[in-house]
């Protein structure tokens, strides 16, 4: 299947998840991620703000704050992405494709920050099919030292997905059923 076909199939499956199940599965993923050394050792977390049918990241961001971690969230600026320090959800507004982004704020650069990556689909070798904009791939090309983790529902992990030389893989994928390293 092509990336486009995979996106279409997985996005349909994600929309079918009842809200309560989405919250429960997201909670399982959050607890697993927070037990990982990559989370425990991170002083800063760079995390996307989830949309309606994605792994819910708001409680993950709140947990990072509760642990005294600095949090930054992405904002798209043209074809690039920067991470902006987040201290409150009040400064978020819909950005590109309706994704919540900070309005104003300070750009955060930290090569030790754990980057929580979104994705539509993954495979058992940690290849990732994103939403098609290449924002994370370009950011990670410029920041290769950051540790990365993807959070995903287990049904979105396939045997194999197409990948190219510019596609960046997360260091680990945390799902509601397993962790792929």
Protein backbone atom coordinates (compact mmCIF):
# COMPACT_ATOMS: atom_id res chain seq x y z
CA UNK A 1 0.00 0.00 0.00
CA UNK A 2 1.08 3.58 -0.57
CA UNK A 3 1.47 6.10 2.24
CA UNK A 4 -1.72 7.78 1.08
CA UNK A 5 -3.68 4.50 1.21
CA UNK A 6 -2.27 3.70 4.65
CA UNK A 7 -3.21 7.16 5.94
CA UNK A 8 -6.74 6.77 4.63
CA UNK A 9 -7.20 3.31 6.18
CA UNK A 10 -5.75 4.12 9.61
CA UNK A 11 -7.52 7.47 9.91
CA UNK A 12 -10.86 5.74 9.26
CA UNK A 13 -10.05 3.20 12.00
CA UNK A 14 -9.07 5.96 14.43
CA UNK A 15 -12.35 7.81 13.87
CA UNK A 16 -14.22 4.64 14.89
CA UNK A 17 -12.71 4.54 18.40
CA UNK A 18 -15.34 5.53 20.97
CA UNK A 19 -14.21 8.53 23.09
CA UNK A 20 -14.03 6.55 26.34
CA UNK A 21 -11.88 3.84 24.71
CA UNK A 22 -9.65 6.52 23.20
CA UNK A 23 -9.07 7.99 26.67
CA UNK A 24 -8.44 4.55 28.21
CA UNK A 25 -5.94 3.48 25.55
CA UNK A 26 -4.22 6.86 25.74
CA UNK A 27 -3.91 6.42 29.51
CA UNK A 28 -2.24 3.03 29.06
CA UNK A 29 0.20 4.53 26.54
CA UNK A 30 0.94 7.49 28.84
CA UNK A 31 1.71 5.22 31.83
CA UNK A 32 4.00 3.01 29.73
CA UNK A 33 5.90 5.99 28.32
CA UNK A 34 6.35 7.55 31.75
CA UNK A 35 8.05 4.36 33.01
CA UNK A 36 10.67 4.50 30.26
CA UNK A 37 14.17 5.81 31.07
CA UNK A 38 13.97 8.21 28.12
CA UNK A 39 11.03 9.95 29.89
CA UNK A 40 12.51 9.74 33.38
CA UNK A 41 15.84 11.20 32.25
CA UNK A 42 14.35 14.05 30.24
CA UNK A 43 14.29 17.50 31.80
CA UNK A 44 12.30 18.81 28.83
CA UNK A 45 9.50 17.27 26.79
CA UNK A 46 8.69 18.46 23.27
CA UNK A 47 5.18 17.15 22.65
CA UNK A 48 2.49 17.73 20.06
CA UNK A 49 -1.00 18.76 21.20
CA UNK A 50 -3.36 16.01 20.09
CA UNK A 51 -6.34 16.28 17.79
CA UNK A 52 -9.67 14.53 18.41
CA UNK A 53 -8.76 11.00 17.28
CA UNK A 54 -5.05 10.90 18.19
CA UNK A 55 -3.44 9.52 21.32
CA UNK A 56 -4.50 12.14 23.88
CA UNK A 57 -1.44 14.16 24.93
CA UNK A 58 -2.94 16.81 27.25
CA UNK A 59 -2.57 14.54 30.35
CA UNK A 60 0.98 13.71 29.23
CA UNK A 61 1.85 17.41 29.11
CA UNK A 62 0.21 17.92 32.51
CA UNK A 63 2.22 15.00 33.93
CA UNK A 64 5.43 16.55 32.60
CA UNK A 65 4.59 19.84 34.31
CA UNK A 66 3.76 17.99 37.55
CA UNK A 67 7.20 16.36 37.41
CA UNK A 68 8.87 19.76 36.95
CA UNK A 69 9.77 19.16 33.31
CA UNK A 70 9.86 22.01 30.83
CA UNK A 71 7.34 21.53 28.02
CA UNK A 72 7.41 22.88 24.49
CA UNK A 73 4.92 22.26 21.68
CA UNK A 74 5.33 22.64 17.92
CA UNK A 75 4.35 25.59 15.78
CA UNK A 76 4.62 25.49 12.00
CA UNK A 77 6.31 28.47 10.40
CA UNK A 78 6.17 28.10 6.65
CA UNK A 79 7.73 24.71 5.82
CA UNK A 80 9.56 24.56 9.14
CA UNK A 81 8.55 23.66 12.65
CA UNK A 82 9.79 25.18 15.90
CA UNK A 83 9.02 24.21 19.48
CA UNK A 84 7.60 26.93 21.71
CA UNK A 85 7.66 26.80 25.51
CA UNK A 86 4.21 25.99 26.89
CA UNK A 87 3.20 26.96 30.42
CA UNK A 88 -0.57 27.04 29.91
CA UNK A 89 -3.10 25.66 27.45
CA UNK A 90 -4.67 29.14 27.29
CA UNK A 91 -2.10 30.33 24.73
CA UNK A 92 -3.08 27.69 22.13
CA UNK A 93 -5.01 28.49 18.98
CA UNK A 94 -5.75 26.49 15.81
CA UNK A 95 -2.80 26.56 13.42
CA UNK A 96 -2.08 24.68 10.20
CA UNK A 97 -4.78 22.02 9.57
CA UNK A 98 -6.48 23.08 12.83
CA UNK A 99 -3.64 21.70 14.98
CA UNK A 100 -3.42 23.57 18.30
CA UNK A 101 -0.30 25.78 18.31
CA UNK A 102 1.02 28.41 20.72
CA UNK A 103 0.40 32.04 19.91
CA UNK A 104 3.54 34.00 20.74
CA UNK A 105 5.98 32.48 23.18
CA UNK A 106 9.66 31.62 23.27
CA UNK A 107 11.37 29.22 20.87
CA UNK A 108 12.96 26.33 22.74
CA UNK A 109 16.16 24.64 21.54
CA UNK A 110 17.31 21.65 23.58
CA UNK A 111 19.13 18.68 22.07
CA UNK A 112 18.42 16.62 25.19
CA UNK A 113 14.64 17.16 25.14
CA UNK A 114 12.52 14.09 24.51
CA UNK A 115 10.45 14.65 21.37
CA UNK A 116 7.06 12.92 21.38
CA UNK A 117 6.23 12.31 17.72
CA UNK A 118 2.78 11.92 16.22
CA UNK A 119 2.13 9.63 13.30
CA UNK A 120 -0.64 7.96 11.39
CA UNK A 121 1.01 4.55 11.01
CA UNK A 122 4.21 2.77 11.94
CA UNK A 123 5.80 -0.59 11.33
CA UNK A 124 7.66 -3.09 13.48
CA UNK A 125 10.99 -1.58 12.32
CA UNK A 126 9.88 1.85 13.64
CA UNK A 127 9.29 3.38 10.21
CA UNK A 128 6.69 6.13 10.37
CA UNK A 129 3.98 7.42 8.09
CA UNK A 130 3.13 10.94 9.23
CA UNK A 131 0.49 13.29 7.94
CA UNK A 132 2.45 14.13 4.80
CA UNK A 133 3.95 17.54 5.56
CA UNK A 134 7.44 16.35 6.52
CA UNK A 135 7.66 18.78 9.45
CA UNK A 136 9.05 16.27 11.95
CA UNK A 137 11.43 14.77 9.38
CA UNK A 138 12.91 18.20 8.64
CA UNK A 139 13.10 19.13 12.32
CA UNK A 140 14.82 15.87 13.27
CA UNK A 141 17.25 16.22 10.36
CA UNK A 142 18.35 19.51 11.90
CA UNK A 143 18.27 18.14 15.49
CA UNK A 144 19.59 14.57 15.23
CA UNK A 145 20.63 14.26 18.89
CA UNK A 146 17.17 14.54 20.42
CA UNK A 147 15.76 11.27 21.78
CA UNK A 148 12.39 10.48 20.21
CA UNK A 149 9.34 8.43 21.09
CA UNK A 150 6.14 7.94 19.15
CA UNK A 151 2.81 7.21 20.79
CA UNK A 152 0.27 5.23 18.80
CA UNK A 153 -2.67 2.88 19.04
CA UNK A 154 -1.51 -0.66 18.41
CA UNK A 155 -3.73 -1.16 15.34
CA UNK A 156 -1.71 1.56 13.58
CA UNK A 157 1.46 -0.56 13.74
CA UNK A 158 1.65 -2.56 10.53
CA UNK A 159 4.11 -5.20 9.38
CA UNK A 160 5.68 -2.77 6.94
CA UNK A 161 5.09 0.79 5.75
CA UNK A 162 6.84 2.58 2.89
CA UNK A 163 9.78 4.74 3.90
CA UNK A 164 12.40 6.80 2.17
CA UNK A 165 15.83 8.16 3.02
CA UNK A 166 14.40 11.41 4.44
CA UNK A 167 11.92 9.66 6.76
CA UNK A 168 13.00 9.76 10.42
CA UNK A 169 12.23 6.86 12.73
CA UNK A 170 11.43 7.30 16.43
CA UNK A 171 13.76 5.60 18.91
CA UNK A 172 10.77 3.76 20.33
CA UNK A 173 7.06 3.41 19.71
CA UNK A 174 4.76 3.09 22.70
CA UNK A 175 1.35 1.57 22.03
CA UNK A 176 -1.45 0.38 24.25
CA UNK A 177 -0.15 -3.21 23.83
CA UNK A 178 3.64 -3.04 23.39
CA UNK A 179 6.81 -1.04 23.15
CA UNK A 180 8.82 -1.33 19.95
CA UNK A 181 12.52 -0.48 20.20
